[in-house]
N, C-alpha and C. Protein backbone atom coordinates (compact mmCIF):
# COMPACT_ATOMS: atom_id res chain seq x y z
N MET A 1 -14.90 11.73 -13.60
CA MET A 1 -14.57 11.76 -12.19
C MET A 1 -13.79 13.04 -11.91
N ALA A 2 -14.14 13.72 -10.84
CA ALA A 2 -13.47 14.95 -10.45
C ALA A 2 -12.07 14.65 -9.94
N GLU A 3 -11.16 15.55 -10.24
CA GLU A 3 -9.79 15.38 -9.77
C GLU A 3 -9.71 15.75 -8.29
N ILE A 4 -9.08 14.89 -7.53
CA ILE A 4 -8.91 15.12 -6.10
C ILE A 4 -7.44 15.40 -5.85
N LYS A 5 -7.16 16.55 -5.26
CA LYS A 5 -5.77 16.91 -4.98
C LYS A 5 -5.52 16.78 -3.48
N VAL A 6 -4.64 15.86 -3.14
CA VAL A 6 -4.26 15.67 -1.75
C VAL A 6 -2.73 15.52 -1.69
N PRO A 7 -2.15 15.93 -0.58
CA PRO A 7 -0.70 15.74 -0.45
C PRO A 7 -0.35 14.26 -0.31
N VAL A 8 0.77 13.88 -0.89
CA VAL A 8 1.27 12.51 -0.78
C VAL A 8 2.66 12.58 -0.18
N ILE A 9 2.88 11.81 0.86
CA ILE A 9 4.17 11.77 1.52
C ILE A 9 4.69 10.34 1.47
N PHE A 10 5.92 10.16 1.03
CA PHE A 10 6.54 8.85 1.02
C PHE A 10 7.50 8.75 2.19
N VAL A 11 7.41 7.68 2.95
CA VAL A 11 8.33 7.42 4.05
C VAL A 11 9.12 6.18 3.65
N ILE A 12 10.41 6.36 3.47
CA ILE A 12 11.25 5.30 2.93
C ILE A 12 12.36 4.96 3.92
N GLY A 13 12.62 3.68 4.08
CA GLY A 13 13.71 3.25 4.95
C GLY A 13 13.77 1.73 4.98
N GLY A 14 14.83 1.23 5.53
CA GLY A 14 15.03 -0.21 5.62
C GLY A 14 14.16 -0.83 6.70
N PRO A 15 14.16 -2.15 6.73
CA PRO A 15 13.39 -2.86 7.76
C PRO A 15 13.83 -2.43 9.16
N GLY A 16 12.85 -2.16 10.02
CA GLY A 16 13.15 -1.80 11.40
C GLY A 16 13.65 -0.38 11.61
N SER A 17 13.54 0.45 10.58
CA SER A 17 14.07 1.82 10.68
C SER A 17 13.08 2.81 11.31
N GLY A 18 11.84 2.36 11.55
CA GLY A 18 10.85 3.23 12.19
C GLY A 18 9.83 3.84 11.25
N LYS A 19 9.73 3.33 10.03
CA LYS A 19 8.74 3.87 9.08
C LYS A 19 7.33 3.78 9.63
N GLY A 20 6.99 2.62 10.15
CA GLY A 20 5.64 2.41 10.69
C GLY A 20 5.35 3.33 11.85
N THR A 21 6.32 3.50 12.73
CA THR A 21 6.15 4.38 13.89
C THR A 21 5.92 5.82 13.44
N GLN A 22 6.73 6.28 12.50
CA GLN A 22 6.59 7.65 12.02
C GLN A 22 5.26 7.84 11.29
N CYS A 23 4.84 6.82 10.54
CA CYS A 23 3.56 6.92 9.83
C CYS A 23 2.40 6.98 10.81
N GLU A 24 2.47 6.21 11.89
CA GLU A 24 1.42 6.28 12.92
C GLU A 24 1.32 7.69 13.47
N ARG A 25 2.45 8.32 13.71
CA ARG A 25 2.47 9.68 14.25
C ARG A 25 1.89 10.68 13.25
N ILE A 26 2.22 10.52 11.98
CA ILE A 26 1.70 11.41 10.94
C ILE A 26 0.18 11.26 10.84
N VAL A 27 -0.31 10.02 10.89
CA VAL A 27 -1.75 9.77 10.84
C VAL A 27 -2.45 10.43 12.02
N GLN A 28 -1.89 10.24 13.23
CA GLN A 28 -2.50 10.82 14.43
C GLN A 28 -2.50 12.34 14.40
N LYS A 29 -1.39 12.93 13.98
CA LYS A 29 -1.26 14.39 14.04
C LYS A 29 -2.01 15.08 12.89
N TYR A 30 -1.94 14.51 11.69
CA TYR A 30 -2.48 15.22 10.52
C TYR A 30 -3.70 14.54 9.89
N GLY A 31 -4.05 13.35 10.35
CA GLY A 31 -5.23 12.67 9.82
C GLY A 31 -5.05 12.06 8.44
N PHE A 32 -3.82 11.85 8.03
CA PHE A 32 -3.56 11.24 6.72
C PHE A 32 -3.98 9.78 6.73
N THR A 33 -4.08 9.21 5.55
CA THR A 33 -4.30 7.78 5.39
C THR A 33 -2.96 7.12 5.16
N HIS A 34 -2.70 6.04 5.86
CA HIS A 34 -1.41 5.34 5.74
C HIS A 34 -1.57 4.12 4.86
N LEU A 35 -0.80 4.06 3.80
CA LEU A 35 -0.78 2.89 2.92
C LEU A 35 0.59 2.25 3.04
N SER A 36 0.63 1.02 3.46
CA SER A 36 1.87 0.27 3.57
C SER A 36 1.89 -0.77 2.46
N THR A 37 2.90 -0.70 1.59
CA THR A 37 2.95 -1.70 0.52
C THR A 37 3.13 -3.10 1.10
N GLY A 38 3.85 -3.21 2.21
CA GLY A 38 4.00 -4.52 2.85
C GLY A 38 2.66 -5.07 3.30
N ASP A 39 1.85 -4.21 3.92
CA ASP A 39 0.51 -4.64 4.35
C ASP A 39 -0.36 -5.02 3.16
N LEU A 40 -0.29 -4.23 2.09
CA LEU A 40 -1.09 -4.53 0.90
C LEU A 40 -0.67 -5.87 0.28
N LEU A 41 0.65 -6.13 0.24
CA LEU A 41 1.13 -7.40 -0.30
C LEU A 41 0.68 -8.57 0.57
N ARG A 42 0.79 -8.42 1.89
CA ARG A 42 0.34 -9.49 2.79
C ARG A 42 -1.16 -9.74 2.65
N ASP A 43 -1.94 -8.67 2.50
CA ASP A 43 -3.39 -8.83 2.31
C ASP A 43 -3.68 -9.60 1.02
N GLU A 44 -2.92 -9.29 -0.03
CA GLU A 44 -3.11 -9.99 -1.31
C GLU A 44 -2.77 -11.46 -1.15
N VAL A 45 -1.68 -11.77 -0.47
CA VAL A 45 -1.30 -13.16 -0.23
C VAL A 45 -2.40 -13.88 0.55
N ASN A 46 -2.91 -13.23 1.59
CA ASN A 46 -3.94 -13.84 2.44
C ASN A 46 -5.30 -13.97 1.75
N SER A 47 -5.48 -13.25 0.64
CA SER A 47 -6.76 -13.31 -0.07
C SER A 47 -6.96 -14.63 -0.80
N GLY A 48 -5.86 -15.34 -1.04
CA GLY A 48 -5.96 -16.61 -1.76
C GLY A 48 -6.07 -16.45 -3.27
N SER A 49 -5.87 -15.23 -3.77
CA SER A 49 -5.98 -14.99 -5.21
C SER A 49 -4.79 -15.60 -5.95
N LEU A 50 -4.93 -15.70 -7.26
CA LEU A 50 -3.84 -16.19 -8.10
C LEU A 50 -2.61 -15.28 -7.93
N ARG A 51 -2.83 -13.97 -7.92
CA ARG A 51 -1.73 -13.03 -7.71
C ARG A 51 -1.08 -13.28 -6.34
N GLY A 52 -1.92 -13.53 -5.34
CA GLY A 52 -1.40 -13.82 -4.00
C GLY A 52 -0.54 -15.08 -3.98
N GLU A 53 -0.95 -16.09 -4.74
CA GLU A 53 -0.15 -17.33 -4.83
C GLU A 53 1.20 -17.06 -5.48
N ARG A 54 1.21 -16.23 -6.51
CA ARG A 54 2.47 -15.87 -7.18
C ARG A 54 3.38 -15.11 -6.23
N LEU A 55 2.78 -14.19 -5.46
CA LEU A 55 3.56 -13.43 -4.50
C LEU A 55 4.14 -14.34 -3.42
N THR A 56 3.36 -15.31 -2.98
CA THR A 56 3.83 -16.27 -1.98
C THR A 56 5.07 -17.00 -2.48
N ASP A 57 5.02 -17.46 -3.74
CA ASP A 57 6.17 -18.16 -4.32
C ASP A 57 7.42 -17.28 -4.31
N ILE A 58 7.25 -16.03 -4.68
CA ILE A 58 8.38 -15.08 -4.72
C ILE A 58 8.94 -14.89 -3.32
N MET A 59 8.06 -14.65 -2.36
CA MET A 59 8.50 -14.36 -0.99
C MET A 59 9.13 -15.58 -0.32
N LYS A 60 8.59 -16.78 -0.58
CA LYS A 60 9.16 -18.00 0.01
C LYS A 60 10.59 -18.22 -0.46
N LYS A 61 10.90 -17.76 -1.66
CA LYS A 61 12.25 -17.89 -2.20
C LYS A 61 13.17 -16.80 -1.64
N GLY A 62 12.61 -15.89 -0.85
CA GLY A 62 13.41 -14.80 -0.29
C GLY A 62 13.72 -13.71 -1.29
N GLN A 63 12.97 -13.68 -2.38
CA GLN A 63 13.19 -12.67 -3.41
C GLN A 63 12.33 -11.44 -3.14
N LEU A 64 12.74 -10.33 -3.72
CA LEU A 64 11.94 -9.11 -3.63
C LEU A 64 10.81 -9.17 -4.64
N VAL A 65 9.65 -8.71 -4.23
CA VAL A 65 8.52 -8.64 -5.15
C VAL A 65 8.85 -7.57 -6.20
N PRO A 66 8.69 -7.90 -7.48
CA PRO A 66 9.01 -6.92 -8.53
C PRO A 66 8.20 -5.63 -8.35
N ASN A 67 8.85 -4.51 -8.67
CA ASN A 67 8.19 -3.20 -8.55
C ASN A 67 6.87 -3.16 -9.29
N VAL A 68 6.82 -3.77 -10.46
CA VAL A 68 5.60 -3.73 -11.26
C VAL A 68 4.44 -4.38 -10.51
N SER A 69 4.71 -5.45 -9.76
CA SER A 69 3.66 -6.10 -8.98
C SER A 69 3.22 -5.22 -7.81
N THR A 70 4.21 -4.68 -7.10
CA THR A 70 3.90 -3.82 -5.95
C THR A 70 3.13 -2.59 -6.39
N LEU A 71 3.57 -1.94 -7.45
CA LEU A 71 2.90 -0.74 -7.94
C LEU A 71 1.51 -1.06 -8.48
N GLY A 72 1.34 -2.24 -9.07
CA GLY A 72 0.03 -2.64 -9.56
C GLY A 72 -0.98 -2.78 -8.43
N ILE A 73 -0.57 -3.42 -7.34
CA ILE A 73 -1.46 -3.58 -6.19
C ILE A 73 -1.75 -2.23 -5.55
N LEU A 74 -0.73 -1.39 -5.43
CA LEU A 74 -0.90 -0.05 -4.86
C LEU A 74 -1.85 0.77 -5.73
N SER A 75 -1.71 0.68 -7.04
CA SER A 75 -2.57 1.42 -7.96
C SER A 75 -4.03 1.00 -7.83
N ILE A 76 -4.27 -0.29 -7.72
CA ILE A 76 -5.64 -0.79 -7.56
C ILE A 76 -6.25 -0.23 -6.28
N PHE A 77 -5.49 -0.25 -5.20
CA PHE A 77 -5.99 0.25 -3.92
C PHE A 77 -6.28 1.74 -4.00
N ILE A 78 -5.36 2.51 -4.58
CA ILE A 78 -5.54 3.96 -4.67
C ILE A 78 -6.76 4.31 -5.52
N LYS A 79 -6.94 3.62 -6.64
CA LYS A 79 -8.10 3.88 -7.49
C LYS A 79 -9.40 3.59 -6.74
N GLY A 80 -9.42 2.50 -5.99
CA GLY A 80 -10.61 2.17 -5.20
C GLY A 80 -10.86 3.21 -4.12
N PHE A 81 -9.80 3.68 -3.47
CA PHE A 81 -9.91 4.69 -2.43
C PHE A 81 -10.43 6.00 -3.03
N ALA A 82 -9.90 6.38 -4.20
CA ALA A 82 -10.34 7.62 -4.86
C ALA A 82 -11.81 7.53 -5.24
N THR A 83 -12.27 6.37 -5.66
CA THR A 83 -13.67 6.19 -6.02
C THR A 83 -14.58 6.39 -4.80
N VAL A 84 -14.16 5.85 -3.67
CA VAL A 84 -14.96 6.03 -2.44
C VAL A 84 -15.00 7.49 -2.04
N ILE A 85 -13.86 8.17 -2.08
CA ILE A 85 -13.78 9.59 -1.71
C ILE A 85 -14.66 10.42 -2.65
N SER A 86 -14.59 10.14 -3.96
CA SER A 86 -15.40 10.88 -4.92
C SER A 86 -16.90 10.71 -4.63
N ALA A 87 -17.28 9.52 -4.24
CA ALA A 87 -18.69 9.26 -3.95
C ALA A 87 -19.16 10.03 -2.72
N LEU A 88 -18.23 10.30 -1.80
CA LEU A 88 -18.59 11.01 -0.59
C LEU A 88 -18.65 12.53 -0.78
N CYS A 89 -17.99 13.02 -1.82
CA CYS A 89 -17.93 14.48 -2.06
C CYS A 89 -19.11 14.99 -2.84
């Protein structure tokens, strides 16, 4: 697979700090793709998968999802996205 070099920007902040708003503006102005780990986690929960059930248990307890779980879901999404982009090039 060919290496794809694209800029990556992380927008970090607490709940309600405007991350989503700023990301919408970046997408509109520069055409970037916005990946929200919160959205990815909610999608996994809604999928009904075993991983989603585990995430539901964690979230219902008011606990933070472990970084390894969040990064695992993000990694799967990024690899899938890169595969689609490679196929288009």
